[in-house]
């Protein structure tokens, strides 16, 4: 699950960087939702989790005043910690 979260983070990072480069527009979390629509089924994540990732990305980009944040690595020596956003509305017990 952490690999899927890292994949979405990297996708949103690349999408944001490309939008700034081509159009000069900073995307908000709401603007990123159509680009991640339907990816939850393929990645095994809930749609609200994808929205939380996009919201967290926008918050951190504004906080650090960067055009592009660091990539999240899933493997190797310098891999990122397993961060999984959990929204209480999307949590389910099996």
Protein backbone atom coordinates (compact mmCIF):
# COMPACT_ATOMS: atom_id res chain seq x y z
CA UNK A 1 0.00 0.00 0.00
CA UNK A 2 2.88 2.38 0.74
CA UNK A 3 4.25 1.74 -2.76
CA UNK A 4 0.93 2.83 -4.24
CA UNK A 5 0.94 5.99 -2.13
CA UNK A 6 4.49 6.78 -3.30
CA UNK A 7 3.41 6.18 -6.90
CA UNK A 8 0.51 8.64 -6.57
CA UNK A 9 2.76 11.22 -4.84
CA UNK A 10 5.28 11.00 -7.69
CA UNK A 11 2.51 11.27 -10.30
CA UNK A 12 1.04 14.37 -8.66
CA UNK A 13 4.54 15.84 -8.34
CA UNK A 14 5.21 15.35 -12.04
CA UNK A 15 1.75 16.64 -13.01
CA UNK A 16 2.21 19.78 -10.94
CA UNK A 17 5.69 20.44 -12.29
CA UNK A 18 4.51 19.99 -15.87
CA UNK A 19 1.54 22.34 -15.34
CA UNK A 20 3.80 25.05 -13.95
CA UNK A 21 6.31 24.61 -16.78
CA UNK A 22 3.82 24.55 -19.66
CA UNK A 23 1.02 26.84 -18.47
CA UNK A 24 2.52 28.71 -15.52
CA UNK A 25 -0.37 27.56 -13.31
CA UNK A 26 -0.06 26.08 -9.83
CA UNK A 27 -2.62 23.29 -9.48
CA UNK A 28 -4.71 23.06 -6.33
CA UNK A 29 -5.73 19.77 -4.75
CA UNK A 30 -9.17 20.16 -6.34
CA UNK A 31 -7.60 20.61 -9.79
CA UNK A 32 -5.70 17.33 -9.41
CA UNK A 33 -8.76 15.16 -8.71
CA UNK A 34 -9.78 14.62 -12.36
CA UNK A 35 -6.26 13.41 -13.20
CA UNK A 36 -6.30 10.75 -10.48
CA UNK A 37 -9.90 9.63 -11.09
CA UNK A 38 -10.15 5.86 -11.51
CA UNK A 39 -6.59 5.13 -10.39
CA UNK A 40 -7.76 3.92 -6.99
CA UNK A 41 -9.04 0.61 -8.35
CA UNK A 42 -5.79 -0.15 -10.15
CA UNK A 43 -3.64 0.78 -7.15
CA UNK A 44 -5.88 -0.69 -4.45
CA UNK A 45 -6.49 2.66 -2.77
CA UNK A 46 -9.72 4.43 -1.87
CA UNK A 47 -10.60 7.58 -3.79
CA UNK A 48 -10.50 9.64 -0.59
CA UNK A 49 -6.94 8.42 -0.02
CA UNK A 50 -5.98 9.80 -3.43
CA UNK A 51 -7.58 13.11 -2.51
CA UNK A 52 -5.67 13.19 0.79
CA UNK A 53 -2.38 12.58 -1.03
CA UNK A 54 -3.08 15.44 -3.46
CA UNK A 55 -4.07 17.73 -0.58
CA UNK A 56 -0.95 16.86 1.39
CA UNK A 57 1.23 17.45 -1.67
CA UNK A 58 -0.24 20.92 -2.26
CA UNK A 59 0.16 21.79 1.43
CA UNK A 60 3.84 20.77 1.44
CA UNK A 61 4.56 22.52 -1.86
CA UNK A 62 3.17 25.78 -0.47
CA UNK A 63 4.91 25.28 2.87
CA UNK A 64 8.36 24.86 1.33
CA UNK A 65 7.71 27.28 -1.58
CA UNK A 66 8.97 24.82 -4.19
CA UNK A 67 7.93 24.09 -7.75
CA UNK A 68 8.79 20.41 -7.34
CA UNK A 69 9.21 18.33 -4.20
CA UNK A 70 11.48 15.29 -3.81
CA UNK A 71 10.47 11.98 -5.30
CA UNK A 72 9.30 9.28 -2.91
CA UNK A 73 11.32 6.11 -3.44
CA UNK A 74 9.81 2.71 -2.65
CA UNK A 75 12.99 0.65 -2.82
CA UNK A 76 16.72 0.90 -2.31
CA UNK A 77 18.85 2.21 0.49
CA UNK A 78 17.45 5.74 0.53
CA UNK A 79 13.77 4.79 0.33
CA UNK A 80 11.05 6.97 1.79
CA UNK A 81 9.21 6.03 4.94
CA UNK A 82 5.87 4.33 4.52
CA UNK A 83 3.39 7.18 4.87
CA UNK A 84 -0.25 6.23 4.29
CA UNK A 85 -2.91 8.90 4.72
CA UNK A 86 -6.01 7.54 6.41
CA UNK A 87 -9.31 9.35 6.18
CA UNK A 88 -11.85 8.21 8.77
CA UNK A 89 -14.63 8.20 6.18
CA UNK A 90 -12.72 5.72 4.01
CA UNK A 91 -11.59 3.31 6.76
CA UNK A 92 -13.23 -0.12 6.78
CA UNK A 93 -12.81 -3.15 9.02
CA UNK A 94 -12.75 -6.61 7.49
